[in-house]
PDB file of all heavy atoms in Angstrom:
ATOM      1  N   ALA A   1      -5.259   4.834  -0.209  1.00  0.00           N
ATOM      2  CA  ALA A   1      -3.912   4.587   0.305  1.00  0.00           C
ATOM      3  C   ALA A   1      -2.878   5.047  -0.702  1.00  0.00           C
ATOM      4  O   ALA A   1      -3.147   5.108  -1.904  1.00  0.00           O
ATOM      5  CB  ALA A   1      -3.716   3.100   0.617  1.00  0.00           C
ATOM      6  N   ALA A   2      -1.675   5.359  -0.214  1.00  0.00           N
ATOM      7  CA  ALA A   2      -0.576   5.771  -1.082  1.00  0.00           C
ATOM      8  C   ALA A   2       0.725   5.167  -0.576  1.00  0.00           C
ATOM      9  O   ALA A   2       0.885   4.915   0.619  1.00  0.00           O
ATOM     10  CB  ALA A   2      -0.460   7.293  -1.139  1.00  0.00           C
ATOM     11  N   ILE A   3       1.662   4.968  -1.499  1.00  0.00           N
ATOM     12  CA  ILE A   3       2.962   4.411  -1.161  1.00  0.00           C
ATOM     13  C   ILE A   3       4.021   5.060  -2.037  1.00  0.00           C
ATOM     14  O   ILE A   3       3.822   5.255  -3.233  1.00  0.00           O
ATOM     15  CB  ILE A   3       2.954   2.869  -1.327  1.00  0.00           C
ATOM     16  CG1 ILE A   3       4.273   2.261  -0.858  1.00  0.00           C
ATOM     17  CG2 ILE A   3       2.648   2.480  -2.768  1.00  0.00           C
ATOM     18  CD1 ILE A   3       4.215   0.736  -0.759  1.00  0.00           C
ATOM     19  N   SER A   4       5.160   5.424  -1.444  1.00  0.00           N
ATOM     20  CA  SER A   4       6.252   6.009  -2.201  1.00  0.00           C
ATOM     21  C   SER A   4       6.915   4.948  -3.069  1.00  0.00           C
ATOM     22  O   SER A   4       6.683   3.752  -2.915  1.00  0.00           O
ATOM     23  CB  SER A   4       7.271   6.643  -1.259  1.00  0.00           C
ATOM     24  OG  SER A   4       7.843   5.668  -0.398  1.00  0.00           O
ATOM     25  N   TRP A   5       7.771   5.388  -3.985  1.00  0.00           N
ATOM     26  CA  TRP A   5       8.379   4.443  -4.922  1.00  0.00           C
ATOM     27  C   TRP A   5       9.221   3.392  -4.212  1.00  0.00           C
ATOM     28  O   TRP A   5       9.310   2.246  -4.680  1.00  0.00           O
ATOM     29  CB  TRP A   5       9.210   5.190  -5.969  1.00  0.00           C
ATOM     30  CG  TRP A   5      10.491   5.781  -5.432  1.00  0.00           C
ATOM     31  CD1 TRP A   5      10.671   7.026  -4.917  1.00  0.00           C
ATOM     32  CD2 TRP A   5      11.766   5.131  -5.374  1.00  0.00           C
ATOM     33  NE1 TRP A   5      11.968   7.207  -4.526  1.00  0.00           N
ATOM     34  CE2 TRP A   5      12.670   6.057  -4.807  1.00  0.00           C
ATOM     35  CE3 TRP A   5      12.231   3.872  -5.739  1.00  0.00           C
ATOM     36  CZ2 TRP A   5      14.013   5.755  -4.584  1.00  0.00           C
ATOM     37  CZ3 TRP A   5      13.575   3.570  -5.526  1.00  0.00           C
ATOM     38  CH2 TRP A   5      14.440   4.497  -4.963  1.00  0.00           C
ATOM     39  N   SER A   6       9.843   3.758  -3.096  1.00  0.00           N
ATOM     40  CA  SER A   6      10.675   2.817  -2.353  1.00  0.00           C
ATOM     41  C   SER A   6       9.874   1.970  -1.366  1.00  0.00           C
ATOM     42  O   SER A   6      10.395   0.978  -0.849  1.00  0.00           O
ATOM     43  CB  SER A   6      11.759   3.565  -1.590  1.00  0.00           C
ATOM     44  OG  SER A   6      11.206   4.337  -0.539  1.00  0.00           O
ATOM     45  N   GLY A   7       8.638   2.370  -1.092  1.00  0.00           N
ATOM     46  CA  GLY A   7       7.844   1.692  -0.090  1.00  0.00           C
ATOM     47  C   GLY A   7       8.096   2.167   1.324  1.00  0.00           C
ATOM     48  O   GLY A   7       7.483   1.650   2.270  1.00  0.00           O
ATOM     49  N   ALA A   8       8.975   3.164   1.503  1.00  0.00           N
ATOM     50  CA  ALA A   8       9.318   3.642   2.831  1.00  0.00           C
ATOM     51  C   ALA A   8       8.219   4.496   3.452  1.00  0.00           C
ATOM     52  O   ALA A   8       8.155   4.617   4.675  1.00  0.00           O
ATOM     53  CB  ALA A   8      10.622   4.436   2.781  1.00  0.00           C
ATOM     54  N   ASN A   9       7.380   5.107   2.633  1.00  0.00           N
ATOM     55  CA  ASN A   9       6.323   5.987   3.116  1.00  0.00           C
ATOM     56  C   ASN A   9       4.970   5.453   2.671  1.00  0.00           C
ATOM     57  O   ASN A   9       4.762   5.184   1.484  1.00  0.00           O
ATOM     58  CB  ASN A   9       6.519   7.409   2.599  1.00  0.00           C
ATOM     59  CG  ASN A   9       7.826   8.027   3.052  1.00  0.00           C
ATOM     60  OD1 ASN A   9       8.770   8.155   2.264  1.00  0.00           O
ATOM     61  ND2 ASN A   9       7.878   8.399   4.318  1.00  0.00           N
ATOM     62  N   ILE A  10       4.055   5.320   3.626  1.00  0.00           N
ATOM     63  CA  ILE A  10       2.722   4.787   3.376  1.00  0.00           C
ATOM     64  C   ILE A  10       1.704   5.592   4.168  1.00  0.00           C
ATOM     65  O   ILE A  10       1.966   5.981   5.312  1.00  0.00           O
ATOM     66  CB  ILE A  10       2.641   3.295   3.764  1.00  0.00           C
ATOM     67  CG1 ILE A  10       3.555   2.454   2.873  1.00  0.00           C
ATOM     68  CG2 ILE A  10       1.204   2.786   3.685  1.00  0.00           C
ATOM     69  CD1 ILE A  10       3.637   1.002   3.282  1.00  0.00           C
ATOM     70  N   HIS A  11       0.540   5.831   3.577  1.00  0.00           N
ATOM     71  CA  HIS A  11      -0.522   6.557   4.253  1.00  0.00           C
ATOM     72  C   HIS A  11      -1.872   5.968   3.846  1.00  0.00           C
ATOM     73  O   HIS A  11      -2.067   5.616   2.688  1.00  0.00           O
ATOM     74  CB  HIS A  11      -0.474   8.048   3.909  1.00  0.00           C
ATOM     75  CG  HIS A  11      -1.489   8.868   4.627  1.00  0.00           C
ATOM     76  ND1 HIS A  11      -1.439   9.071   5.989  1.00  0.00           N
ATOM     77  CD2 HIS A  11      -2.601   9.521   4.186  1.00  0.00           C
ATOM     78  CE1 HIS A  11      -2.460   9.817   6.353  1.00  0.00           C
ATOM     79  NE2 HIS A  11      -3.172  10.101   5.277  1.00  0.00           N
ATOM     80  N   TYR A  12      -2.805   5.885   4.814  1.00  0.00           N
ATOM     81  CA  TYR A  12      -4.125   5.331   4.581  1.00  0.00           C
ATOM     82  C   TYR A  12      -5.218   6.323   4.963  1.00  0.00           C
ATOM     83  O   TYR A  12      -5.055   7.140   5.875  1.00  0.00           O
ATOM     84  CB  TYR A  12      -4.353   4.068   5.408  1.00  0.00           C
ATOM     85  CG  TYR A  12      -3.430   2.924   5.097  1.00  0.00           C
ATOM     86  CD1 TYR A  12      -2.288   2.699   5.862  1.00  0.00           C
ATOM     87  CD2 TYR A  12      -3.709   2.058   4.052  1.00  0.00           C
ATOM     88  CE1 TYR A  12      -1.441   1.638   5.580  1.00  0.00           C
ATOM     89  CE2 TYR A  12      -2.863   0.994   3.765  1.00  0.00           C
ATOM     90  CZ  TYR A  12      -1.733   0.784   4.536  1.00  0.00           C
ATOM     91  OH  TYR A  12      -0.901  -0.269   4.256  1.00  0.00           O
ATOM     92  N   ALA A  13      -6.336   6.219   4.273  1.00  0.00           N
ATOM     93  CA  ALA A  13      -7.527   6.931   4.712  1.00  0.00           C
ATOM     94  C   ALA A  13      -8.031   6.317   6.010  1.00  0.00           C
ATOM     95  O   ALA A  13      -7.906   5.107   6.233  1.00  0.00           O
ATOM     96  CB  ALA A  13      -8.611   6.865   3.640  1.00  0.00           C
ATOM     97  N   ASP A  14      -8.623   7.141   6.874  1.00  0.00           N
ATOM     98  CA  ASP A  14      -9.114   6.643   8.149  1.00  0.00           C
ATOM     99  C   ASP A  14     -10.155   5.535   7.974  1.00  0.00           C
ATOM    100  O   ASP A  14     -10.251   4.628   8.805  1.00  0.00           O
ATOM    101  CB  ASP A  14      -9.715   7.780   8.968  1.00  0.00           C
ATOM    102  CG  ASP A  14      -8.669   8.735   9.496  1.00  0.00           C
ATOM    103  OD1 ASP A  14      -7.484   8.354   9.563  1.00  0.00           O
ATOM    104  OD2 ASP A  14      -9.037   9.871   9.850  1.00  0.00           O
ATOM    105  N   SER A  15     -10.921   5.592   6.902  1.00  0.00           N
ATOM    106  CA  SER A  15     -11.989   4.634   6.689  1.00  0.00           C
ATOM    107  C   SER A  15     -11.496   3.212   6.446  1.00  0.00           C
ATOM    108  O   SER A  15     -12.256   2.256   6.624  1.00  0.00           O
ATOM    109  CB  SER A  15     -12.871   5.074   5.517  1.00  0.00           C
ATOM    110  OG  SER A  15     -12.110   5.163   4.327  1.00  0.00           O
ATOM    111  N   VAL A  16     -10.231   3.055   6.041  1.00  0.00           N
ATOM    112  CA  VAL A  16      -9.704   1.726   5.741  1.00  0.00           C
ATOM    113  C   VAL A  16      -8.516   1.347   6.612  1.00  0.00           C
ATOM    114  O   VAL A  16      -8.034   0.209   6.526  1.00  0.00           O
ATOM    115  CB  VAL A  16      -9.314   1.597   4.255  1.00  0.00           C
ATOM    116  CG1 VAL A  16     -10.492   1.949   3.358  1.00  0.00           C
ATOM    117  CG2 VAL A  16      -8.110   2.483   3.933  1.00  0.00           C
ATOM    118  N   LYS A  17      -8.046   2.248   7.439  1.00  0.00           N
ATOM    119  CA  LYS A  17      -6.878   1.978   8.280  1.00  0.00           C
ATOM    120  C   LYS A  17      -7.148   0.780   9.187  1.00  0.00           C
ATOM    121  O   LYS A  17      -8.197   0.699   9.829  1.00  0.00           O
ATOM    122  CB  LYS A  17      -6.527   3.211   9.105  1.00  0.00           C
ATOM    123  CG  LYS A  17      -5.221   3.097   9.878  1.00  0.00           C
ATOM    124  CD  LYS A  17      -4.893   4.398  10.604  1.00  0.00           C
ATOM    125  CE  LYS A  17      -4.666   5.533   9.641  1.00  0.00           C
ATOM    126  NZ  LYS A  17      -4.268   6.793  10.347  1.00  0.00           N
ATOM    127  N   GLY A  18      -6.202  -0.143   9.224  1.00  0.00           N
ATOM    128  CA  GLY A  18      -6.347  -1.349  10.011  1.00  0.00           C
ATOM    129  C   GLY A  18      -6.992  -2.492   9.266  1.00  0.00           C
ATOM    130  O   GLY A  18      -6.963  -3.636   9.745  1.00  0.00           O
ATOM    131  N   ARG A  19      -7.594  -2.221   8.111  1.00  0.00           N
ATOM    132  CA  ARG A  19      -8.234  -3.259   7.309  1.00  0.00           C
ATOM    133  C   ARG A  19      -7.536  -3.480   5.972  1.00  0.00           C
ATOM    134  O   ARG A  19      -7.476  -4.611   5.486  1.00  0.00           O
ATOM    135  CB  ARG A  19      -9.698  -2.911   7.048  1.00  0.00           C
ATOM    136  CG  ARG A  19     -10.540  -2.798   8.311  1.00  0.00           C
ATOM    137  CD  ARG A  19     -12.020  -2.677   7.975  1.00  0.00           C
ATOM    138  NE  ARG A  19     -12.309  -1.465   7.213  1.00  0.00           N
ATOM    139  CZ  ARG A  19     -12.892  -1.454   6.017  1.00  0.00           C
ATOM    140  NH1 ARG A  19     -13.265  -2.593   5.446  1.00  0.00           N
ATOM    141  NH2 ARG A  19     -13.130  -0.307   5.398  1.00  0.00           N
ATOM    142  N   PHE A  20      -7.036  -2.411   5.359  1.00  0.00           N
ATOM    143  CA  PHE A  20      -6.390  -2.490   4.051  1.00  0.00           C
ATOM    144  C   PHE A  20      -4.884  -2.312   4.198  1.00  0.00           C
ATOM    145  O   PHE A  20      -4.418  -1.575   5.079  1.00  0.00           O
ATOM    146  CB  PHE A  20      -6.911  -1.405   3.112  1.00  0.00           C
ATOM    147  CG  PHE A  20      -8.341  -1.565   2.682  1.00  0.00           C
ATOM    148  CD1 PHE A  20      -9.176  -2.510   3.257  1.00  0.00           C
ATOM    149  CD2 PHE A  20      -8.846  -0.747   1.685  1.00  0.00           C
ATOM    150  CE1 PHE A  20     -10.497  -2.640   2.858  1.00  0.00           C
ATOM    151  CE2 PHE A  20     -10.160  -0.871   1.270  1.00  0.00           C
ATOM    152  CZ  PHE A  20     -10.987  -1.819   1.859  1.00  0.00           C
ATOM    153  N   THR A  21      -4.119  -2.952   3.313  1.00  0.00           N
ATOM    154  CA  THR A  21      -2.673  -2.833   3.302  1.00  0.00           C
ATOM    155  C   THR A  21      -2.186  -2.614   1.875  1.00  0.00           C
ATOM    156  O   THR A  21      -2.492  -3.412   0.990  1.00  0.00           O
ATOM    157  CB  THR A  21      -1.996  -4.082   3.881  1.00  0.00           C
ATOM    158  OG1 THR A  21      -2.450  -4.309   5.218  1.00  0.00           O
ATOM    159  CG2 THR A  21      -0.482  -3.904   3.894  1.00  0.00           C
ATOM    160  N   ILE A  22      -1.432  -1.542   1.659  1.00  0.00           N
ATOM    161  CA  ILE A  22      -0.842  -1.275   0.357  1.00  0.00           C
ATOM    162  C   ILE A  22       0.615  -1.725   0.369  1.00  0.00           C
ATOM    163  O   ILE A  22       1.315  -1.583   1.378  1.00  0.00           O
ATOM    164  CB  ILE A  22      -0.953   0.217  -0.021  1.00  0.00           C
ATOM    165  CG1 ILE A  22      -0.508   0.451  -1.463  1.00  0.00           C
ATOM    166  CG2 ILE A  22      -0.158   1.089   0.945  1.00  0.00           C
ATOM    167  CD1 ILE A  22      -0.778   1.876  -1.963  1.00  0.00           C
ATOM    168  N   SER A  23       1.072  -2.281  -0.733  1.00  0.00           N
ATOM    169  CA  SER A  23       2.458  -2.710  -0.855  1.00  0.00           C
ATOM    170  C   SER A  23       2.853  -2.675  -2.323  1.00  0.00           C
ATOM    171  O   SER A  23       2.002  -2.547  -3.197  1.00  0.00           O
ATOM    172  CB  SER A  23       2.658  -4.112  -0.274  1.00  0.00           C
ATOM    173  OG  SER A  23       1.890  -5.069  -0.985  1.00  0.00           O
ATOM    174  N   ARG A  24       4.144  -2.785  -2.584  1.00  0.00           N
ATOM    175  CA  ARG A  24       4.598  -2.840  -3.969  1.00  0.00           C
ATOM    176  C   ARG A  24       5.801  -3.752  -4.091  1.00  0.00           C
ATOM    177  O   ARG A  24       6.614  -3.869  -3.166  1.00  0.00           O
ATOM    178  CB  ARG A  24       4.904  -1.437  -4.518  1.00  0.00           C
ATOM    179  CG  ARG A  24       6.101  -0.742  -3.897  1.00  0.00           C
ATOM    180  CD  ARG A  24       6.170   0.728  -4.335  1.00  0.00           C
ATOM    181  NE  ARG A  24       6.262   0.879  -5.779  1.00  0.00           N
ATOM    182  CZ  ARG A  24       6.096   2.030  -6.434  1.00  0.00           C
ATOM    183  NH1 ARG A  24       5.811   3.148  -5.750  1.00  0.00           N
ATOM    184  NH2 ARG A  24       6.204   2.080  -7.750  1.00  0.00           N
ATOM    185  N   ASP A  25       5.904  -4.380  -5.237  1.00  0.00           N
ATOM    186  CA  ASP A  25       7.020  -5.253  -5.560  1.00  0.00           C
ATOM    187  C   ASP A  25       7.590  -4.751  -6.874  1.00  0.00           C
ATOM    188  O   ASP A  25       7.083  -5.074  -7.947  1.00  0.00           O
ATOM    189  CB  ASP A  25       6.566  -6.706  -5.668  1.00  0.00           C
ATOM    190  CG  ASP A  25       7.717  -7.670  -5.866  1.00  0.00           C
ATOM    191  OD1 ASP A  25       8.808  -7.232  -6.271  1.00  0.00           O
ATOM    192  OD2 ASP A  25       7.526  -8.871  -5.615  1.00  0.00           O
ATOM    193  N   ASN A  26       8.633  -3.940  -6.788  1.00  0.00           N
ATOM    194  CA  ASN A  26       9.181  -3.320  -7.994  1.00  0.00           C
ATOM    195  C   ASN A  26       9.808  -4.343  -8.936  1.00  0.00           C
ATOM    196  O   ASN A  26       9.854  -4.119 -10.149  1.00  0.00           O
ATOM    197  CB  ASN A  26      10.208  -2.257  -7.611  1.00  0.00           C
ATOM    198  CG  ASN A  26       9.577  -1.032  -6.982  1.00  0.00           C
ATOM    199  OD1 ASN A  26       8.379  -0.797  -7.131  1.00  0.00           O
ATOM    200  ND2 ASN A  26      10.368  -0.243  -6.272  1.00  0.00           N
ATOM    201  N   ALA A  27      10.284  -5.452  -8.394  1.00  0.00           N
ATOM    202  CA  ALA A  27      10.833  -6.504  -9.245  1.00  0.00           C
ATOM    203  C   ALA A  27       9.767  -7.085 -10.160  1.00  0.00           C
ATOM    204  O   ALA A  27      10.070  -7.566 -11.255  1.00  0.00           O
ATOM    205  CB  ALA A  27      11.465  -7.598  -8.403  1.00  0.00           C
ATOM    206  N   LYS A  28       8.507  -7.059  -9.717  1.00  0.00           N
ATOM    207  CA  LYS A  28       7.388  -7.556 -10.509  1.00  0.00           C
ATOM    208  C   LYS A  28       6.584  -6.435 -11.151  1.00  0.00           C
ATOM    209  O   LYS A  28       5.577  -6.701 -11.802  1.00  0.00           O
ATOM    210  CB  LYS A  28       6.468  -8.414  -9.649  1.00  0.00           C
ATOM    211  CG  LYS A  28       7.118  -9.679  -9.108  1.00  0.00           C
ATOM    212  CD  LYS A  28       6.132 -10.502  -8.301  1.00  0.00           C
ATOM    213  CE  LYS A  28       6.769 -11.787  -7.808  1.00  0.00           C
ATOM    214  NZ  LYS A  28       5.818 -12.605  -7.013  1.00  0.00           N
ATOM    215  N   ASN A  29       7.016  -5.188 -10.949  1.00  0.00           N
ATOM    216  CA  ASN A  29       6.317  -4.024 -11.508  1.00  0.00           C
ATOM    217  C   ASN A  29       4.844  -4.014 -11.106  1.00  0.00           C
ATOM    218  O   ASN A  29       3.963  -3.714 -11.922  1.00  0.00           O
ATOM    219  CB  ASN A  29       6.447  -3.997 -13.031  1.00  0.00           C
ATOM    220  CG  ASN A  29       7.885  -3.972 -13.506  1.00  0.00           C
ATOM    221  OD1 ASN A  29       8.730  -3.314 -12.901  1.00  0.00           O
ATOM    222  ND2 ASN A  29       8.168  -4.684 -14.582  1.00  0.00           N
ATOM    223  N   THR A  30       4.579  -4.303  -9.838  1.00  0.00           N
ATOM    224  CA  THR A  30       3.206  -4.476  -9.379  1.00  0.00           C
ATOM    225  C   THR A  30       2.986  -3.807  -8.023  1.00  0.00           C
ATOM    226  O   THR A  30       3.842  -3.888  -7.140  1.00  0.00           O
ATOM    227  CB  THR A  30       2.842  -5.960  -9.272  1.00  0.00           C
ATOM    228  OG1 THR A  30       3.033  -6.584 -10.550  1.00  0.00           O
ATOM    229  CG2 THR A  30       1.389  -6.142  -8.863  1.00  0.00           C
ATOM    230  N   VAL A  31       1.830  -3.164  -7.873  1.00  0.00           N
ATOM    231  CA  VAL A  31       1.376  -2.592  -6.611  1.00  0.00           C
ATOM    232  C   VAL A  31       0.144  -3.366  -6.166  1.00  0.00           C
ATOM    233  O   VAL A  31      -0.696  -3.728  -6.990  1.00  0.00           O
ATOM    234  CB  VAL A  31       1.056  -1.098  -6.763  1.00  0.00           C
ATOM    235  CG1 VAL A  31       0.582  -0.510  -5.443  1.00  0.00           C
ATOM    236  CG2 VAL A  31       2.279  -0.339  -7.264  1.00  0.00           C
ATOM    237  N   TYR A  32       0.021  -3.604  -4.860  1.00  0.00           N
ATOM    238  CA  TYR A  32      -1.067  -4.411  -4.325  1.00  0.00           C
ATOM    239  C   TYR A  32      -1.892  -3.624  -3.319  1.00  0.00           C
ATOM    240  O   TYR A  32      -1.408  -2.700  -2.664  1.00  0.00           O
ATOM    241  CB  TYR A  32      -0.529  -5.659  -3.627  1.00  0.00           C
ATOM    242  CG  TYR A  32       0.333  -6.536  -4.495  1.00  0.00           C
ATOM    243  CD1 TYR A  32       1.717  -6.448  -4.449  1.00  0.00           C
ATOM    244  CD2 TYR A  32      -0.245  -7.455  -5.357  1.00  0.00           C
ATOM    245  CE1 TYR A  32       2.517  -7.253  -5.232  1.00  0.00           C
ATOM    246  CE2 TYR A  32       0.548  -8.272  -6.152  1.00  0.00           C
ATOM    247  CZ  TYR A  32       1.929  -8.168  -6.083  1.00  0.00           C
ATOM    248  OH  TYR A  32       2.717  -8.977  -6.869  1.00  0.00           O
ATOM    249  N   LEU A  33      -3.145  -4.029  -3.188  1.00  0.00           N
ATOM    250  CA  LEU A  33      -4.001  -3.552  -2.116  1.00  0.00           C
ATOM    251  C   LEU A  33      -4.699  -4.768  -1.513  1.00  0.00           C
ATOM    252  O   LEU A  33      -5.605  -5.333  -2.129  1.00  0.00           O
ATOM    253  CB  LEU A  33      -5.030  -2.536  -2.609  1.00  0.00           C
ATOM    254  CG  LEU A  33      -5.904  -1.918  -1.515  1.00  0.00           C
ATOM    255  CD1 LEU A  33      -5.066  -1.002  -0.617  1.00  0.00           C
ATOM    256  CD2 LEU A  33      -7.069  -1.143  -2.122  1.00  0.00           C
ATOM    257  N   GLN A  34      -4.256  -5.176  -0.330  1.00  0.00           N
ATOM    258  CA  GLN A  34      -4.890  -6.270   0.393  1.00  0.00           C
ATOM    259  C   GLN A  34      -6.035  -5.700   1.209  1.00  0.00           C
ATOM    260  O   GLN A  34      -5.831  -4.807   2.028  1.00  0.00           O
ATOM    261  CB  GLN A  34      -3.887  -6.968   1.307  1.00  0.00           C
ATOM    262  CG  GLN A  34      -4.478  -8.093   2.144  1.00  0.00           C
ATOM    263  CD  GLN A  34      -4.937  -9.265   1.310  1.00  0.00           C
ATOM    264  OE1 GLN A  34      -4.221  -9.694   0.415  1.00  0.00           O
ATOM    265  NE2 GLN A  34      -6.128  -9.773   1.580  1.00  0.00           N
ATOM    266  N   MET A  35      -7.239  -6.215   0.996  1.00  0.00           N
ATOM    267  CA  MET A  35      -8.433  -5.707   1.650  1.00  0.00           C
ATOM    268  C   MET A  35      -9.030  -6.808   2.515  1.00  0.00           C
ATOM    269  O   MET A  35      -9.451  -7.849   2.001  1.00  0.00           O
ATOM    270  CB  MET A  35      -9.454  -5.224   0.623  1.00  0.00           C
ATOM    271  CG  MET A  35      -8.901  -4.184  -0.343  1.00  0.00           C
ATOM    272  SD  MET A  35     -10.173  -3.519  -1.449  1.00  0.00           S
ATOM    273  CE  MET A  35     -10.566  -5.006  -2.384  1.00  0.00           C
ATOM    274  N   ASN A  36      -9.069  -6.584   3.821  1.00  0.00           N
ATOM    275  CA  ASN A  36      -9.629  -7.527   4.775  1.00  0.00           C
ATOM    276  C   ASN A  36     -10.832  -6.912   5.481  1.00  0.00           C
ATOM    277  O   ASN A  36     -11.017  -5.700   5.476  1.00  0.00           O
ATOM    278  CB  ASN A  36      -8.576  -7.938   5.809  1.00  0.00           C
ATOM    279  CG  ASN A  36      -7.383  -8.638   5.216  1.00  0.00           C
ATOM    280  OD1 ASN A  36      -7.498  -9.360   4.222  1.00  0.00           O
ATOM    281  ND2 ASN A  36      -6.220  -8.437   5.812  1.00  0.00           N
TER     282      ASN A  36
END
């Protein structure tokens, strides 16, 4: 998965689409990958 610096653009591999979620919190200087 990938995410732009603003979070406006996101893209996932087909193998994880619908199961994984990428996000970022710039205030915390942290990027996340939620895997379900």
